[in-house]
């Protein structure tokens, strides 16, 4: 039972790290400087906090949420396929 929880935690942590490193890289390469400045302005609540810092925080939170969502849905698909295979 404990090995299953450790394995699940390892999968979540690995996926979060991968998404945390890859998603912001793609977004920063794809966005033009105008779009990046607009995103910084929007995420900094109209200039209340540093726009670049707010974009970095936003990208980090977005990456973590996408990673957790991905692991959840892939787990559900795997459960469904494994139950289908048993029957």
N, C-alpha and C. Protein backbone atom coordinates (compact mmCIF):
# COMPACT_ATOMS: atom_id res chain seq x y z
N UNK A 1 0.82 -1.20 0.00
CA UNK A 1 0.00 0.00 0.00
C UNK A 1 0.86 1.25 0.00
N UNK A 2 1.93 1.23 0.81
CA UNK A 2 2.79 2.40 0.90
C UNK A 2 3.59 2.59 -0.38
N UNK A 3 3.96 1.49 -1.03
CA UNK A 3 4.72 1.57 -2.29
C UNK A 3 3.88 2.22 -3.38
N UNK A 4 2.59 1.96 -3.39
CA UNK A 4 1.69 2.57 -4.37
C UNK A 4 1.59 4.06 -4.19
N UNK A 5 1.56 4.52 -2.94
CA UNK A 5 1.50 5.95 -2.67
C UNK A 5 2.81 6.63 -3.05
N UNK A 6 3.92 5.97 -2.79
CA UNK A 6 5.21 6.54 -3.16
C UNK A 6 5.35 6.62 -4.68
N UNK A 7 4.88 5.60 -5.35
CA UNK A 7 4.94 5.58 -6.82
C UNK A 7 4.07 6.68 -7.40
N UNK A 8 2.88 6.86 -6.84
CA UNK A 8 1.98 7.89 -7.32
C UNK A 8 2.56 9.27 -7.06
N UNK A 9 3.14 9.47 -5.89
CA UNK A 9 3.77 10.76 -5.57
C UNK A 9 4.95 11.02 -6.50
N UNK A 10 5.73 9.98 -6.80
CA UNK A 10 6.86 10.13 -7.71
C UNK A 10 6.39 10.54 -9.10
N UNK A 11 5.31 9.94 -9.57
CA UNK A 11 4.78 10.28 -10.89
C UNK A 11 4.30 11.73 -10.91
N UNK A 12 3.58 12.16 -9.87
CA UNK A 12 3.11 13.54 -9.81
C UNK A 12 4.28 14.51 -9.78
N UNK A 13 5.26 14.27 -8.94
CA UNK A 13 6.39 15.19 -8.81
C UNK A 13 7.19 15.25 -10.11
N UNK A 14 7.43 14.12 -10.74
CA UNK A 14 8.17 14.10 -12.00
C UNK A 14 7.43 14.87 -13.08
N UNK A 15 6.13 14.65 -13.19
CA UNK A 15 5.34 15.35 -14.20
C UNK A 15 5.31 16.84 -13.95
N UNK A 16 5.17 17.26 -12.70
CA UNK A 16 5.16 18.69 -12.37
C UNK A 16 6.50 19.31 -12.74
N UNK A 17 7.59 18.65 -12.43
CA UNK A 17 8.92 19.19 -12.77
C UNK A 17 9.08 19.31 -14.28
N UNK A 18 8.67 18.30 -15.03
CA UNK A 18 8.80 18.35 -16.48
C UNK A 18 7.95 19.48 -17.05
N UNK A 19 6.70 19.58 -16.62
CA UNK A 19 5.84 20.65 -17.11
C UNK A 19 6.37 22.01 -16.68
N UNK A 20 6.89 22.12 -15.46
CA UNK A 20 7.41 23.38 -14.94
C UNK A 20 8.59 23.86 -15.77
N UNK A 21 9.35 22.95 -16.33
CA UNK A 21 10.50 23.33 -17.14
C UNK A 21 10.15 23.55 -18.61
N UNK A 22 9.18 22.82 -19.13
CA UNK A 22 8.90 22.86 -20.56
C UNK A 22 7.87 23.91 -20.96
N UNK A 23 6.74 23.99 -20.26
CA UNK A 23 5.64 24.89 -20.66
C UNK A 23 6.08 26.35 -20.73
N UNK A 24 6.72 26.90 -19.68
CA UNK A 24 7.15 28.31 -19.80
C UNK A 24 8.14 28.54 -20.94
N UNK A 25 9.00 27.58 -21.19
CA UNK A 25 9.97 27.71 -22.28
C UNK A 25 9.26 27.87 -23.61
N UNK A 26 8.27 27.03 -23.88
CA UNK A 26 7.52 27.15 -25.13
C UNK A 26 6.80 28.48 -25.22
N UNK A 27 6.16 28.88 -24.15
CA UNK A 27 5.39 30.12 -24.18
C UNK A 27 6.29 31.33 -24.39
N UNK A 28 7.43 31.37 -23.71
CA UNK A 28 8.34 32.51 -23.89
C UNK A 28 8.95 32.54 -25.28
N UNK A 29 9.14 31.39 -25.91
CA UNK A 29 9.67 31.36 -27.27
C UNK A 29 8.62 31.72 -28.31
N UNK A 30 7.37 31.37 -28.05
CA UNK A 30 6.30 31.60 -29.02
C UNK A 30 5.80 33.04 -28.99
N UNK A 31 5.65 33.61 -27.79
CA UNK A 31 5.09 34.95 -27.67
C UNK A 31 6.03 36.02 -28.19
N UNK A 32 5.46 37.00 -28.87
CA UNK A 32 6.26 38.14 -29.30
C UNK A 32 6.47 39.06 -28.09
N UNK A 33 7.34 40.04 -28.24
CA UNK A 33 7.62 40.94 -27.11
C UNK A 33 6.39 41.76 -26.73
N UNK A 34 5.56 42.12 -27.72
CA UNK A 34 4.34 42.87 -27.41
C UNK A 34 3.36 42.02 -26.59
N UNK A 35 3.20 40.76 -27.01
CA UNK A 35 2.30 39.87 -26.28
C UNK A 35 2.82 39.58 -24.87
N UNK A 36 4.13 39.44 -24.76
CA UNK A 36 4.73 39.18 -23.45
C UNK A 36 4.56 40.39 -22.53
N UNK A 37 4.71 41.59 -23.06
CA UNK A 37 4.51 42.78 -22.22
C UNK A 37 3.04 42.92 -21.83
N UNK A 38 2.12 42.58 -22.75
CA UNK A 38 0.70 42.63 -22.42
C UNK A 38 0.37 41.61 -21.33
N UNK A 39 0.91 40.40 -21.46
CA UNK A 39 0.68 39.36 -20.46
C UNK A 39 1.25 39.80 -19.11
N UNK A 40 2.41 40.43 -19.13
CA UNK A 40 3.00 40.95 -17.88
C UNK A 40 2.13 42.01 -17.25
N UNK A 41 1.56 42.88 -18.06
CA UNK A 41 0.69 43.94 -17.53
C UNK A 41 -0.58 43.34 -16.95
N UNK A 42 -1.17 42.37 -17.65
CA UNK A 42 -2.42 41.76 -17.19
C UNK A 42 -2.21 40.98 -15.89
N UNK A 43 -1.13 40.20 -15.83
CA UNK A 43 -0.91 39.38 -14.64
C UNK A 43 -0.36 40.15 -13.46
N UNK A 44 0.11 41.40 -13.69
CA UNK A 44 0.63 42.20 -12.58
C UNK A 44 -0.43 43.10 -11.97
N UNK A 45 -1.68 42.86 -12.29
CA UNK A 45 -2.81 43.63 -11.77
C UNK A 45 -2.67 45.11 -12.11
N UNK A 46 -2.35 45.39 -13.36
CA UNK A 46 -2.26 46.76 -13.82
C UNK A 46 -0.99 47.47 -13.40
N UNK A 47 0.07 46.74 -13.16
CA UNK A 47 1.35 47.35 -12.79
C UNK A 47 1.60 47.42 -11.31
N UNK A 48 0.78 46.75 -10.49
CA UNK A 48 0.95 46.80 -9.04
C UNK A 48 2.24 46.08 -8.63
N UNK A 49 2.52 44.93 -9.25
CA UNK A 49 3.76 44.21 -8.96
C UNK A 49 4.59 44.15 -10.24
N UNK A 50 5.81 43.71 -10.14
CA UNK A 50 6.72 43.64 -11.27
C UNK A 50 6.12 42.75 -12.36
N UNK A 51 5.97 43.26 -13.59
CA UNK A 51 5.34 42.47 -14.66
C UNK A 51 6.08 41.18 -15.01
N UNK A 52 7.41 41.22 -15.05
CA UNK A 52 8.15 40.00 -15.38
C UNK A 52 8.00 38.95 -14.29
N UNK A 53 8.06 39.38 -13.05
CA UNK A 53 7.86 38.45 -11.93
C UNK A 53 6.47 37.86 -11.96
N UNK A 54 5.48 38.67 -12.26
CA UNK A 54 4.10 38.16 -12.29
C UNK A 54 3.91 37.15 -13.42
N UNK A 55 4.57 37.36 -14.56
CA UNK A 55 4.48 36.39 -15.66
C UNK A 55 5.14 35.08 -15.24
N UNK A 56 6.29 35.17 -14.57
CA UNK A 56 6.98 33.95 -14.12
C UNK A 56 6.12 33.18 -13.12
N UNK A 57 5.50 33.88 -12.18
CA UNK A 57 4.62 33.22 -11.20
C UNK A 57 3.42 32.60 -11.92
N UNK A 58 2.83 33.33 -12.84
CA UNK A 58 1.68 32.83 -13.60
C UNK A 58 2.05 31.58 -14.39
N UNK A 59 3.20 31.59 -15.05
CA UNK A 59 3.64 30.42 -15.82
C UNK A 59 3.90 29.22 -14.90
N UNK A 60 4.46 29.47 -13.74
CA UNK A 60 4.71 28.39 -12.79
C UNK A 60 3.42 27.75 -12.30
N UNK A 61 2.47 28.58 -11.92
CA UNK A 61 1.18 28.07 -11.44
C UNK A 61 0.44 27.35 -12.57
N UNK A 62 0.47 27.92 -13.77
CA UNK A 62 -0.17 27.28 -14.92
C UNK A 62 0.46 25.92 -15.21
N UNK A 63 1.77 25.84 -15.15
CA UNK A 63 2.46 24.57 -15.41
C UNK A 63 2.10 23.51 -14.38
N UNK A 64 2.05 23.89 -13.13
CA UNK A 64 1.70 22.95 -12.07
C UNK A 64 0.27 22.45 -12.24
N UNK A 65 -0.65 23.37 -12.54
CA UNK A 65 -2.04 22.97 -12.73
C UNK A 65 -2.19 22.04 -13.94
N UNK A 66 -1.50 22.35 -15.03
CA UNK A 66 -1.56 21.47 -16.22
C UNK A 66 -0.97 20.10 -15.94
N UNK A 67 0.11 20.05 -15.18
CA UNK A 67 0.73 18.76 -14.86
C UNK A 67 -0.20 17.90 -14.01
N UNK A 68 -0.80 18.48 -13.00
CA UNK A 68 -1.70 17.72 -12.13
C UNK A 68 -2.93 17.25 -12.91
N UNK A 69 -3.46 18.13 -13.76
CA UNK A 69 -4.61 17.76 -14.58
C UNK A 69 -4.26 16.63 -15.55
N UNK A 70 -3.09 16.71 -16.15
CA UNK A 70 -2.65 15.68 -17.08
C UNK A 70 -2.51 14.34 -16.40
N UNK A 71 -1.86 14.32 -15.25
CA UNK A 71 -1.69 13.05 -14.53
C UNK A 71 -3.04 12.47 -14.13
N UNK A 72 -3.96 13.33 -13.69
CA UNK A 72 -5.29 12.87 -13.30
C UNK A 72 -6.02 12.21 -14.48
N UNK A 73 -6.04 12.90 -15.63
CA UNK A 73 -6.76 12.36 -16.78
C UNK A 73 -6.09 11.13 -17.36
N UNK A 74 -4.78 11.11 -17.40
CA UNK A 74 -4.09 9.92 -17.90
C UNK A 74 -4.34 8.74 -16.96
N UNK A 75 -4.38 9.01 -15.65
CA UNK A 75 -4.70 7.95 -14.69
C UNK A 75 -6.10 7.39 -14.90
N UNK A 76 -7.06 8.28 -15.15
CA UNK A 76 -8.43 7.83 -15.41
C UNK A 76 -8.51 7.01 -16.70
N UNK A 77 -7.82 7.45 -17.74
CA UNK A 77 -7.82 6.70 -18.99
C UNK A 77 -7.17 5.34 -18.79
N UNK A 78 -6.07 5.30 -18.06
CA UNK A 78 -5.39 4.03 -17.80
C UNK A 78 -6.29 3.08 -17.00
N UNK A 79 -7.01 3.60 -15.99
CA UNK A 79 -7.92 2.77 -15.22
C UNK A 79 -9.01 2.20 -16.12
N UNK A 80 -9.57 3.03 -16.96
CA UNK A 80 -10.63 2.59 -17.85
C UNK A 80 -10.14 1.51 -18.81
N UNK A 81 -8.97 1.73 -19.39
CA UNK A 81 -8.43 0.75 -20.33
C UNK A 81 -8.06 -0.55 -19.64
N UNK A 82 -7.52 -0.47 -18.41
CA UNK A 82 -7.16 -1.71 -17.71
C UNK A 82 -8.39 -2.47 -17.27
N UNK A 83 -9.47 -1.79 -16.90
CA UNK A 83 -10.72 -2.49 -16.55
C UNK A 83 -11.33 -3.12 -17.79
N UNK A 84 -11.25 -2.42 -18.91
CA UNK A 84 -11.78 -2.95 -20.16
C UNK A 84 -10.99 -4.19 -20.59
N UNK A 85 -9.69 -4.15 -20.38
CA UNK A 85 -8.84 -5.27 -20.75
C UNK A 85 -9.11 -6.51 -19.90
N UNK A 86 -9.45 -6.31 -18.64
CA UNK A 86 -9.74 -7.44 -17.74
C UNK A 86 -11.02 -8.14 -18.13
N UNK A 87 -12.00 -7.39 -18.63
CA UNK A 87 -13.30 -7.97 -18.96
C UNK A 87 -13.24 -8.52 -20.31
